[in-house]
Structure formats: structure tokens, C-alpha cells
């Protein structure tokens, strides 16, 4: 399933980026010398290589620890110290011991946000929101960390970074396109030129909106489905470590604190997490087994 998601994501981002290619070439014509443009025109197939690099390289760069540290720094997460570090190490100890992970190094961070959450990122990075230490016991934190460890050990985190990176070029092109349109607004009051520019913008917007809708939404739904399966797999990993009861109590406490409403059909389809009740039911079954 993960391999299929990677292939579909690459194809969709490649096709969407190819829709941006005329706009990219127009911008490039302002900065590249004429000789370079002529040489590119005489080299068939360079567009395919160029678009492939734009799709793949950002996701591959995110696999390196340096880029992951940059993401962590820009997100405002802080390295765990003092009491935070002591509690996390205490909660993580049974996870590492039962998982046979004594030789691995894990990087622990604190997110100062006020929400109750935890996540895993990239190469053995675990982030816990500060309020979690106020509401959860060490045992409950162990269950939650076992779930996050499941994401790390099953490769969900590097897959997420790769998927995010493959859409980077499309997001950048969208922002550049918005800036380009804003600059054209200055010229729209010129009688003939303004009409041509408005027509050009309408055609480009129509093509891009249809392309995004036809390709982007199916990919989004498939991505969310795979993300929900990853959550179930991470829960199962915690249960395999013998920390299913601790995870169960932690999730139940989260559900009680947030009083999450029941999602409808479309809400469930668009959510990247299964309903908490469904997760608790599966964890209960695995504990009983």
C-alpha cells in the first residue's frame, strides 16, 4: 500500500507540475540568457528530467538529519531538558527495552503548544506537547510513546516526509503564480493588453483548478486512507510491546478531555486519524488476544 501511494503521489505531482511548466518557462525566460534557452530547446526530454528532479529531490533531502533539524527549529520545538527529559526517558525506557532498541539514539523534543498531542518525525525524532506532562501519568506516556515508536519503526515518518517533499515544488509554483497574477493586476487597465491578460489568467486558472480537482482530491483521499491504516499499525505495535493497556488509557483520557464529536461519512474520509472509538475497540481486542 505504501509503495502504491508513493507511485501515485509522484505521478500526480508530476502531472500537476507539468501544468505549471508553461508558467515556469515564462518566468525562466526573464532570467535565463537566450543562448541557454536555445540550447534547452534543442535538447529533447530535458523537461521530463527537470520535472522529475523538482518532484523527487525535496522529499529525498528531507531524509537527511540536517534538514530534519531545520524543520524542527522552524517549528519552534525545543530540545527536552530538566524535568521534561527525565519524565520522557522514564516513559521511553520500557518502550526501548521491550522493542530491543537499546543501541539506538532517540531525539526528544518539547512542543510548547497548549494542545494535547505527540508525534514522531523523520529519523528517531519524538515530539511531545508540554501539556501532556500535566494530564498523563508516566505509564500513559509510555503507551503513547510506544505508538509513536511504531511510526518510526514501521517507516511511516520517512514516508510522510517524502510525500510532503514531493508536493513542495507544486506549492512553491502556486505561490509564485499568485505573485505573478498580482503583478499583472497593475497592467489590467491598459485597454487591449488588459483584456488579453485577463483572458490569459482566466484560462490558466481554469486549467489549474480542474487539474487540481481531478488529480489532487483522489490523491488526498487515498493519502488519508493510508494515514489511518498507519495509525492502526502503530497502535498494533504498542500492543505487541505489551503496552496496549497503557495506550488504551491514554487515548481514552484524550477522548474524555476533548469530547470529540462523532464524524460523519465525509468527515471520516477526510480525517488522517481513525475515530478514537474505533481505535480503542481494536486495541481492546488485541489486548484480549
C-alpha atoms as a PDB file:
ATOM      1  CA  UNK A   1       0.000   0.000   0.000  1.00  0.00           C
ATOM      2  CA  UNK A   2       2.828   2.432   0.845  1.00  0.00           C
ATOM      3  CA  UNK A   3       4.621   1.722  -2.438  1.00  0.00           C
ATOM      4  CA  UNK A   4       1.407   2.336  -4.382  1.00  0.00           C
ATOM      5  CA  UNK A   5       0.857   5.612  -2.514  1.00  0.00           C
ATOM      6  CA  UNK A   6       4.407   6.731  -3.390  1.00  0.00           C
ATOM      7  CA  UNK A   7       3.908   5.936  -7.075  1.00  0.00           C
ATOM      8  CA  UNK A   8       0.512   7.634  -7.245  1.00  0.00           C
ATOM      9  CA  UNK A   9       1.837  10.691  -5.400  1.00  0.00           C
ATOM     10  CA  UNK A  10       4.783  11.007  -7.777  1.00  0.00           C
ATOM     11  CA  UNK A  11       2.579  10.693 -10.875  1.00  0.00           C
ATOM     12  CA  UNK A  12       0.026  13.215  -9.591  1.00  0.00           C
ATOM     13  CA  UNK A  13       2.655  15.771  -8.571  1.00  0.00           C
ATOM     14  CA  UNK A  14       4.495  15.270 -11.857  1.00  0.00           C
ATOM     15  CA  UNK A  15       1.336  15.842 -13.918  1.00  0.00           C
ATOM     16  CA  UNK A  16       0.292  18.864 -11.839  1.00  0.00           C
ATOM     17  CA  UNK A  17       3.767  20.324 -12.154  1.00  0.00           C
ATOM     18  CA  UNK A  18       3.657  19.807 -15.908  1.00  0.00           C
ATOM     19  CA  UNK A  19       0.551  22.038 -15.926  1.00  0.00           C
ATOM     20  CA  UNK A  20       2.683  24.727 -14.324  1.00  0.00           C
ATOM     21  CA  UNK A  21       5.518  24.254 -16.831  1.00  0.00           C
ATOM     22  CA  UNK A  22       4.371  26.973 -19.318  1.00  0.00           C
ATOM     23  CA  UNK A  23       4.234  29.440 -16.439  1.00  0.00           C
ATOM     24  CA  UNK A  24       7.679  28.289 -15.224  1.00  0.00           C
ATOM     25  CA  UNK A  25       9.140  28.746 -18.718  1.00  0.00           C
ATOM     26  CA  UNK A  26       7.690  32.251 -18.962  1.00  0.00           C
ATOM     27  CA  UNK A  27       9.350  33.201 -15.679  1.00  0.00           C
ATOM     28  CA  UNK A  28      12.603  31.486 -16.659  1.00  0.00           C
ATOM     29  CA  UNK A  29      12.710  33.478 -19.910  1.00  0.00           C
ATOM     30  CA  UNK A  30      13.177  36.660 -17.861  1.00  0.00           C
ATOM     31  CA  UNK A  31      16.266  35.312 -16.061  1.00  0.00           C
ATOM     32  CA  UNK A  32      17.982  32.883 -18.452  1.00  0.00           C
ATOM     33  CA  UNK A  33      20.172  34.143 -21.318  1.00  0.00           C
ATOM     34  CA  UNK A  34      18.888  33.490 -24.876  1.00  0.00           C
ATOM     35  CA  UNK A  35      21.722  31.016 -25.599  1.00  0.00           C
ATOM     36  CA  UNK A  36      20.632  28.849 -22.659  1.00  0.00           C
ATOM     37  CA  UNK A  37      17.020  28.891 -23.800  1.00  0.00           C
ATOM     38  CA  UNK A  38      18.059  27.896 -27.331  1.00  0.00           C
ATOM     39  CA  UNK A  39      20.214  25.032 -26.034  1.00  0.00           C
ATOM     40  CA  UNK A  40      17.346  23.772 -23.891  1.00  0.00           C
ATOM     41  CA  UNK A  41      15.023  23.946 -26.875  1.00  0.00           C
ATOM     42  CA  UNK A  42      17.454  21.778 -28.831  1.00  0.00           C
ATOM     43  CA  UNK A  43      17.651  19.147 -26.046  1.00  0.00           C
ATOM     44  CA  UNK A  44      14.518  16.998 -26.219  1.00  0.00           C
ATOM     45  CA  UNK A  45      13.416  15.382 -22.987  1.00  0.00           C
ATOM     46  CA  UNK A  46      15.047  17.863 -20.607  1.00  0.00           C
ATOM     47  CA  UNK A  47      11.614  18.912 -19.313  1.00  0.00           C
ATOM     48  CA  UNK A  48      10.904  15.366 -18.101  1.00  0.00           C
ATOM     49  CA  UNK A  49      14.188  15.189 -16.210  1.00  0.00           C
ATOM     50  CA  UNK A  50      13.686  18.673 -14.805  1.00  0.00           C
ATOM     51  CA  UNK A  51      10.174  17.944 -13.533  1.00  0.00           C
ATOM     52  CA  UNK A  52      11.299  14.616 -12.044  1.00  0.00           C
ATOM     53  CA  UNK A  53      14.068  16.371 -10.116  1.00  0.00           C
ATOM     54  CA  UNK A  54      11.653  19.045  -8.869  1.00  0.00           C
ATOM     55  CA  UNK A  55       9.289  16.359  -7.559  1.00  0.00           C
ATOM     56  CA  UNK A  56      11.774  13.924  -6.010  1.00  0.00           C
ATOM     57  CA  UNK A  57      14.708  15.964  -4.712  1.00  0.00           C
ATOM     58  CA  UNK A  58      12.883  17.927  -1.921  1.00  0.00           C
ATOM     59  CA  UNK A  59      11.494  14.703  -0.453  1.00  0.00           C
ATOM     60  CA  UNK A  60      14.885  12.985  -0.620  1.00  0.00           C
ATOM     61  CA  UNK A  61      16.626  15.956   1.037  1.00  0.00           C
ATOM     62  CA  UNK A  62      14.165  15.750   3.939  1.00  0.00           C
ATOM     63  CA  UNK A  63      15.553  12.306   4.784  1.00  0.00           C
ATOM     64  CA  UNK A  64      18.854  13.862   5.897  1.00  0.00           C
ATOM     65  CA  UNK A  65      19.159  14.762   9.623  1.00  0.00           C
ATOM     66  CA  UNK A  66      20.292  18.327   8.807  1.00  0.00           C
ATOM     67  CA  UNK A  67      17.033  19.151   7.023  1.00  0.00           C
ATOM     68  CA  UNK A  68      15.002  17.461   9.751  1.00  0.00           C
ATOM     69  CA  UNK A  69      16.741  19.636  12.358  1.00  0.00           C
ATOM     70  CA  UNK A  70      15.877  22.687  10.275  1.00  0.00           C
ATOM     71  CA  UNK A  71      12.216  21.639  10.213  1.00  0.00           C
ATOM     72  CA  UNK A  72      12.267  21.131  13.974  1.00  0.00           C
ATOM     73  CA  UNK A  73      13.924  24.515  14.558  1.00  0.00           C
ATOM     74  CA  UNK A  74      11.477  26.389  12.314  1.00  0.00           C
ATOM     75  CA  UNK A  75       8.536  24.651  14.034  1.00  0.00           C
ATOM     76  CA  UNK A  76       9.569  26.130  17.395  1.00  0.00           C
ATOM     77  CA  UNK A  77      10.142  22.760  19.084  1.00  0.00           C
ATOM     78  CA  UNK A  78      12.708  22.727  21.891  1.00  0.00           C
ATOM     79  CA  UNK A  79      15.073  20.007  22.972  1.00  0.00           C
ATOM     80  CA  UNK A  80      13.766  18.230  26.081  1.00  0.00           C
ATOM     81  CA  UNK A  81      15.653  19.252  29.220  1.00  0.00           C
ATOM     82  CA  UNK A  82      15.258  19.085  33.003  1.00  0.00           C
ATOM     83  CA  UNK A  83      12.073  17.516  34.291  1.00  0.00           C
ATOM     84  CA  UNK A  84      10.699  17.054  30.793  1.00  0.00           C
ATOM     85  CA  UNK A  85      13.720  14.984  29.797  1.00  0.00           C
ATOM     86  CA  UNK A  86      13.603  12.885  32.990  1.00  0.00           C
ATOM     87  CA  UNK A  87       9.925  12.017  32.516  1.00  0.00           C
ATOM     88  CA  UNK A  88      10.357  11.238  28.823  1.00  0.00           C
ATOM     89  CA  UNK A  89      13.356   8.995  29.453  1.00  0.00           C
ATOM     90  CA  UNK A  90      11.442   7.203  32.195  1.00  0.00           C
ATOM     91  CA  UNK A  91       8.417   6.714  29.932  1.00  0.00           C
ATOM     92  CA  UNK A  92      10.550   5.697  26.959  1.00  0.00           C
ATOM     93  CA  UNK A  93      12.618   3.120  28.874  1.00  0.00           C
ATOM     94  CA  UNK A  94      10.091   0.225  28.697  1.00  0.00           C
ATOM     95  CA  UNK A  95       9.435   1.016  25.022  1.00  0.00           C
ATOM     96  CA  UNK A  96      13.132   0.755  24.162  1.00  0.00           C
ATOM     97  CA  UNK A  97      13.671  -2.317  26.344  1.00  0.00           C
ATOM     98  CA  UNK A  98      10.684  -4.277  25.043  1.00  0.00           C
ATOM     99  CA  UNK A  99      11.392  -3.281  21.456  1.00  0.00           C
ATOM    100  CA  UNK A 100      15.048  -4.326  21.629  1.00  0.00           C
ATOM    101  CA  UNK A 101      16.163  -0.813  20.680  1.00  0.00           C
ATOM    102  CA  UNK A 102      18.876  -0.264  23.301  1.00  0.00           C
ATOM    103  CA  UNK A 103      21.544   0.599  20.723  1.00  0.00           C
ATOM    104  CA  UNK A 104      19.534   3.351  19.000  1.00  0.00           C
ATOM    105  CA  UNK A 105      19.604   7.061  19.840  1.00  0.00           C
ATOM    106  CA  UNK A 106      16.339   8.976  20.024  1.00  0.00           C
ATOM    107  CA  UNK A 107      15.995  12.756  19.906  1.00  0.00           C
ATOM    108  CA  UNK A 108      13.355  14.091  22.304  1.00  0.00           C
ATOM    109  CA  UNK A 109      11.677  17.484  21.847  1.00  0.00           C
ATOM    110  CA  UNK A 110       9.007  19.531  23.584  1.00  0.00           C
ATOM    111  CA  UNK A 111       6.335  21.410  21.670  1.00  0.00           C
ATOM    112  CA  UNK A 112       5.215  24.473  23.695  1.00  0.00           C
ATOM    113  CA  UNK A 113       1.742  24.444  22.111  1.00  0.00           C
ATOM    114  CA  UNK A 114      -1.198  24.117  24.511  1.00  0.00           C
ATOM    115  CA  UNK A 115      -2.863  21.192  22.739  1.00  0.00           C
ATOM    116  CA  UNK A 116      -2.555  17.565  23.865  1.00  0.00           C
ATOM    117  CA  UNK A 117      -0.580  15.739  21.221  1.00  0.00           C
ATOM    118  CA  UNK A 118       2.618  13.888  20.367  1.00  0.00           C
ATOM    119  CA  UNK A 119       4.251  12.999  17.066  1.00  0.00           C
ATOM    120  CA  UNK A 120       7.270  11.320  15.508  1.00  0.00           C
ATOM    121  CA  UNK A 121       9.314  12.873  12.732  1.00  0.00           C
ATOM    122  CA  UNK A 122      11.920  11.544  10.350  1.00  0.00           C
ATOM    123  CA  UNK A 123      14.919   9.793  11.872  1.00  0.00           C
ATOM    124  CA  UNK A 124      14.124   8.915  15.530  1.00  0.00           C
ATOM    125  CA  UNK A 125      12.728  12.339  16.469  1.00  0.00           C
ATOM    126  CA  UNK A 126       9.898  12.258  19.017  1.00  0.00           C
ATOM    127  CA  UNK A 127       7.945  15.393  19.955  1.00  0.00           C
ATOM    128  CA  UNK A 128       5.585  15.684  22.934  1.00  0.00           C
ATOM    129  CA  UNK A 129       3.430  18.742  23.635  1.00  0.00           C
ATOM    130  CA  UNK A 130       4.101  20.358  27.001  1.00  0.00           C
ATOM    131  CA  UNK A 131       0.539  19.934  28.466  1.00  0.00           C
ATOM    132  CA  UNK A 132       0.840  16.142  28.082  1.00  0.00           C
ATOM    133  CA  UNK A 133       3.060  16.074  31.176  1.00  0.00           C
ATOM    134  CA  UNK A 134       0.319  17.705  33.224  1.00  0.00           C
ATOM    135  CA  UNK A 135      -2.545  15.391  32.302  1.00  0.00           C
ATOM    136  CA  UNK A 136      -0.899  12.000  31.729  1.00  0.00           C
ATOM    137  CA  UNK A 137       0.886   9.572  34.005  1.00  0.00           C
ATOM    138  CA  UNK A 138       4.274   8.093  33.115  1.00  0.00           C
ATOM    139  CA  UNK A 139       2.617   4.776  32.223  1.00  0.00           C
ATOM    140  CA  UNK A 140       0.156   6.506  29.890  1.00  0.00           C
ATOM    141  CA  UNK A 141       3.020   8.414  28.298  1.00  0.00           C
ATOM    142  CA  UNK A 142       4.776   5.080  27.761  1.00  0.00           C
ATOM    143  CA  UNK A 143       1.766   3.814  25.812  1.00  0.00           C
ATOM    144  CA  UNK A 144       1.637   6.964  23.697  1.00  0.00           C
ATOM    145  CA  UNK A 145       5.390   6.866  23.060  1.00  0.00           C
ATOM    146  CA  UNK A 146       5.067   3.197  22.069  1.00  0.00           C
ATOM    147  CA  UNK A 147       2.556   4.306  19.440  1.00  0.00           C
ATOM    148  CA  UNK A 148       4.972   6.974  18.138  1.00  0.00           C
ATOM    149  CA  UNK A 149       7.770   4.408  18.173  1.00  0.00           C
ATOM    150  CA  UNK A 150       5.572   2.253  15.949  1.00  0.00           C
ATOM    151  CA  UNK A 151       5.513   5.054  13.375  1.00  0.00           C
ATOM    152  CA  UNK A 152       9.314   5.244  13.475  1.00  0.00           C
ATOM    153  CA  UNK A 153       9.965   1.522  13.312  1.00  0.00           C
ATOM    154  CA  UNK A 154       7.469   0.888  10.525  1.00  0.00           C
ATOM    155  CA  UNK A 155       8.861   3.682   8.325  1.00  0.00           C
ATOM    156  CA  UNK A 156       5.777   5.889   8.418  1.00  0.00           C
ATOM    157  CA  UNK A 157       7.759   9.030   9.233  1.00  0.00           C
ATOM    158  CA  UNK A 158      10.204   8.931   6.322  1.00  0.00           C
ATOM    159  CA  UNK A 159       7.294   8.147   4.002  1.00  0.00           C
ATOM    160  CA  UNK A 160       5.434  11.200   5.309  1.00  0.00           C
ATOM    161  CA  UNK A 161       8.473  13.421   4.701  1.00  0.00           C
ATOM    162  CA  UNK A 162       8.859  12.056   1.183  1.00  0.00           C
ATOM    163  CA  UNK A 163       5.192  12.663   0.384  1.00  0.00           C
ATOM    164  CA  UNK A 164       5.404  16.177   1.801  1.00  0.00           C
ATOM    165  CA  UNK A 165       8.585  16.886  -0.156  1.00  0.00           C
ATOM    166  CA  UNK A 166       7.122  15.685  -3.447  1.00  0.00           C
ATOM    167  CA  UNK A 167       4.462  18.411  -3.269  1.00  0.00           C
ATOM    168  CA  UNK A 168       6.947  21.176  -2.389  1.00  0.00           C
ATOM    169  CA  UNK A 169       7.514  22.276  -5.987  1.00  0.00           C
ATOM    170  CA  UNK A 170       3.765  22.493  -6.630  1.00  0.00           C
ATOM    171  CA  UNK A 171       3.227  24.615  -3.522  1.00  0.00           C
ATOM    172  CA  UNK A 172       6.103  26.909  -4.498  1.00  0.00           C
ATOM    173  CA  UNK A 173       4.763  27.282  -8.050  1.00  0.00           C
ATOM    174  CA  UNK A 174       1.325  28.137  -6.684  1.00  0.00           C
ATOM    175  CA  UNK A 175       2.773  30.937  -4.552  1.00  0.00           C
ATOM    176  CA  UNK A 176       4.849  32.257  -7.446  1.00  0.00           C
ATOM    177  CA  UNK A 177       1.790  32.128  -9.675  1.00  0.00           C
ATOM    178  CA  UNK A 178      -0.237  34.155  -7.168  1.00  0.00           C
ATOM    179  CA  UNK A 179       2.576  36.719  -7.031  1.00  0.00           C
ATOM    180  CA  UNK A 180       2.719  36.775 -10.837  1.00  0.00           C
ATOM    181  CA  UNK A 181      -1.039  37.404 -11.079  1.00  0.00           C
ATOM    182  CA  UNK A 182      -0.812  40.183  -8.507  1.00  0.00           C
ATOM    183  CA  UNK A 183       1.858  41.893 -10.604  1.00  0.00           C
ATOM    184  CA  UNK A 184      -0.329  41.596 -13.721  1.00  0.00           C
ATOM    185  CA  UNK A 185      -3.170  43.386 -11.969  1.00  0.00           C
ATOM    186  CA  UNK A 186      -1.201  46.602 -12.429  1.00  0.00           C
ATOM    187  CA  UNK A 187      -1.478  46.226 -16.210  1.00  0.00           C
ATOM    188  CA  UNK A 188      -5.127  45.201 -16.498  1.00  0.00           C
ATOM    189  CA  UNK A 189      -6.329  48.783 -17.013  1.00  0.00           C
ATOM    190  CA  UNK A 190      -4.432  49.118 -20.299  1.00  0.00           C
ATOM    191  CA  UNK A 191      -7.257  48.718 -22.896  1.00  0.00           C
ATOM    192  CA  UNK A 192      -6.112  45.903 -25.213  1.00  0.00           C
ATOM    193  CA  UNK A 193      -3.295  44.433 -23.136  1.00  0.00           C
ATOM    194  CA  UNK A 194      -5.511  44.292 -20.064  1.00  0.00           C
ATOM    195  CA  UNK A 195      -8.146  42.237 -21.902  1.00  0.00           C
ATOM    196  CA  UNK A 196      -5.515  39.775 -23.130  1.00  0.00           C
ATOM    197  CA  UNK A 197      -4.045  39.411 -19.641  1.00  0.00           C
ATOM    198  CA  UNK A 198      -7.448  38.841 -18.050  1.00  0.00           C
ATOM    199  CA  UNK A 199      -8.260  36.174 -20.660  1.00  0.00           C
ATOM    200  CA  UNK A 200      -4.869  34.518 -20.109  1.00  0.00           C
ATOM    201  CA  UNK A 201      -5.379  34.448 -16.324  1.00  0.00           C
ATOM    202  CA  UNK A 202      -8.886  33.005 -16.685  1.00  0.00           C
ATOM    203  CA  UNK A 203      -7.663  30.166 -18.929  1.00  0.00           C
ATOM    204  CA  UNK A 204      -4.708  29.364 -16.654  1.00  0.00           C
ATOM    205  CA  UNK A 205      -6.911  29.392 -13.558  1.00  0.00           C
ATOM    206  CA  UNK A 206      -9.437  27.078 -15.204  1.00  0.00           C
ATOM    207  CA  UNK A 207      -6.769  24.561 -16.271  1.00  0.00           C
ATOM    208  CA  UNK A 208      -5.090  24.557 -12.870  1.00  0.00           C
ATOM    209  CA  UNK A 209      -8.297  24.349 -10.855  1.00  0.00           C
ATOM    210  CA  UNK A 210      -9.624  21.445 -12.943  1.00  0.00           C
ATOM    211  CA  UNK A 211      -6.254  19.691 -12.778  1.00  0.00           C
ATOM    212  CA  UNK A 212      -6.022  20.130  -9.022  1.00  0.00           C
ATOM    213  CA  UNK A 213      -9.567  18.883  -8.521  1.00  0.00           C
ATOM    214  CA  UNK A 214      -9.336  15.864 -10.814  1.00  0.00           C
ATOM    215  CA  UNK A 215      -5.916  14.749  -9.572  1.00  0.00           C
ATOM    216  CA  UNK A 216      -5.496  16.319  -6.143  1.00  0.00           C
ATOM    217  CA  UNK A 217      -8.671  15.138  -4.440  1.00  0.00           C
ATOM    218  CA  UNK A 218      -8.335  11.408  -5.234  1.00  0.00           C
ATOM    219  CA  UNK A 219      -4.712  11.557  -4.049  1.00  0.00           C
ATOM    220  CA  UNK A 220      -5.783  13.340  -0.860  1.00  0.00           C
ATOM    221  CA  UNK A 221      -8.440  10.719  -0.101  1.00  0.00           C
ATOM    222  CA  UNK A 222      -6.013   7.859  -0.783  1.00  0.00           C
ATOM    223  CA  UNK A 223      -3.350   9.537   1.351  1.00  0.00           C
ATOM    224  CA  UNK A 224      -5.770   9.989   4.259  1.00  0.00           C
ATOM    225  CA  UNK A 225      -6.851   6.345   3.999  1.00  0.00           C
ATOM    226  CA  UNK A 226      -3.223   5.177   4.159  1.00  0.00           C
ATOM    227  CA  UNK A 227      -2.593   7.526   7.107  1.00  0.00           C
ATOM    228  CA  UNK A 228      -5.480   5.928   9.028  1.00  0.00           C
ATOM    229  CA  UNK A 229      -4.049   2.474   8.353  1.00  0.00           C
ATOM    230  CA  UNK A 230      -0.681   3.690   9.655  1.00  0.00           C
ATOM    231  CA  UNK A 231      -2.362   4.765  12.904  1.00  0.00           C
ATOM    232  CA  UNK A 232      -3.845   1.306  13.353  1.00  0.00           C
ATOM    233  CA  UNK A 233      -0.430  -0.244  12.619  1.00  0.00           C
ATOM    234  CA  UNK A 234       1.273   1.990  15.205  1.00  0.00           C
ATOM    235  CA  UNK A 235      -1.381   1.018  17.781  1.00  0.00           C
ATOM    236  CA  UNK A 236      -0.742  -2.649  16.996  1.00  0.00           C
ATOM    237  CA  UNK A 237       2.989  -2.115  17.526  1.00  0.00           C
ATOM    238  CA  UNK A 238       2.340  -0.718  21.012  1.00  0.00           C
ATOM    239  CA  UNK A 239       0.182  -3.755  21.778  1.00  0.00           C
ATOM    240  CA  UNK A 240       2.911  -6.102  20.557  1.00  0.00           C
ATOM    241  CA  UNK A 241       5.290  -4.479  23.036  1.00  0.00           C
ATOM    242  CA  UNK A 242       2.815  -5.240  25.818  1.00  0.00           C
ATOM    243  CA  UNK A 243       1.923  -1.552  26.265  1.00  0.00           C
ATOM    244  CA  UNK A 244      -1.553  -1.742  24.775  1.00  0.00           C
ATOM    245  CA  UNK A 245      -3.310  -1.140  28.106  1.00  0.00           C
ATOM    246  CA  UNK A 246      -1.229   1.994  28.733  1.00  0.00           C
ATOM    247  CA  UNK A 247      -2.009   3.285  25.234  1.00  0.00           C
ATOM    248  CA  UNK A 248      -5.684   2.457  25.728  1.00  0.00           C
ATOM    249  CA  UNK A 249      -5.884   4.507  28.935  1.00  0.00           C
ATOM    250  CA  UNK A 250      -4.018   7.399  27.306  1.00  0.00           C
ATOM    251  CA  UNK A 251      -6.318   7.502  24.266  1.00  0.00           C
ATOM    252  CA  UNK A 252      -9.407   7.173  26.451  1.00  0.00           C
ATOM    253  CA  UNK A 253      -8.227  10.124  28.532  1.00  0.00           C
ATOM    254  CA  UNK A 254      -7.637  12.161  25.370  1.00  0.00           C
ATOM    255  CA  UNK A 255     -11.135  11.303  24.185  1.00  0.00           C
ATOM    256  CA  UNK A 256     -12.637  12.376  27.508  1.00  0.00           C
ATOM    257  CA  UNK A 257     -10.684  15.625  27.620  1.00  0.00           C
ATOM    258  CA  UNK A 258     -11.541  16.674  24.069  1.00  0.00           C
ATOM    259  CA  UNK A 259     -15.057  15.193  23.856  1.00  0.00           C
ATOM    260  CA  UNK A 260     -14.501  14.542  20.150  1.00  0.00           C
ATOM    261  CA  UNK A 261     -17.782  14.591  18.205  1.00  0.00           C
ATOM    262  CA  UNK A 262     -18.732  11.646  16.027  1.00  0.00           C
ATOM    263  CA  UNK A 263     -17.590  12.251  12.458  1.00  0.00           C
ATOM    264  CA  UNK A 264     -19.904  11.677   9.525  1.00  0.00           C
ATOM    265  CA  UNK A 265     -19.011   9.678   6.428  1.00  0.00           C
ATOM    266  CA  UNK A 266     -17.161  12.507   4.664  1.00  0.00           C
ATOM    267  CA  UNK A 267     -15.505  13.598   7.895  1.00  0.00           C
ATOM    268  CA  UNK A 268     -14.074  10.120   8.345  1.00  0.00           C
ATOM    269  CA  UNK A 269     -12.921  10.027   4.714  1.00  0.00           C
ATOM    270  CA  UNK A 270     -11.028  13.307   5.096  1.00  0.00           C
ATOM    271  CA  UNK A 271      -9.524  12.555   8.517  1.00  0.00           C
ATOM    272  CA  UNK A 272      -5.940  11.318   8.748  1.00  0.00           C
ATOM    273  CA  UNK A 273      -6.744   9.584  12.060  1.00  0.00           C
ATOM    274  CA  UNK A 274      -9.398   6.911  12.654  1.00  0.00           C
ATOM    275  CA  UNK A 275     -12.175   7.675  15.106  1.00  0.00           C
ATOM    276  CA  UNK A 276     -10.870   7.253  18.645  1.00  0.00           C
ATOM    277  CA  UNK A 277     -13.675   4.820  19.452  1.00  0.00           C
ATOM    278  CA  UNK A 278     -12.618   2.553  16.588  1.00  0.00           C
ATOM    279  CA  UNK A 279      -9.002   2.658  17.748  1.00  0.00           C
ATOM    280  CA  UNK A 280      -9.963   1.828  21.315  1.00  0.00           C
ATOM    281  CA  UNK A 281     -12.072  -1.100  20.117  1.00  0.00           C
ATOM    282  CA  UNK A 282      -9.175  -2.572  18.127  1.00  0.00           C
ATOM    283  CA  UNK A 283      -6.724  -2.065  20.978  1.00  0.00           C
ATOM    284  CA  UNK A 284      -9.151  -3.801  23.346  1.00  0.00           C
ATOM    285  CA  UNK A 285      -9.372  -6.778  21.001  1.00  0.00           C
ATOM    286  CA  UNK A 286      -5.581  -7.006  20.678  1.00  0.00           C
ATOM    287  CA  UNK A 287      -5.125  -6.805  24.452  1.00  0.00           C
ATOM    288  CA  UNK A 288      -7.638  -9.622  24.940  1.00  0.00           C
ATOM    289  CA  UNK A 289      -5.816 -11.751  22.390  1.00  0.00           C
END
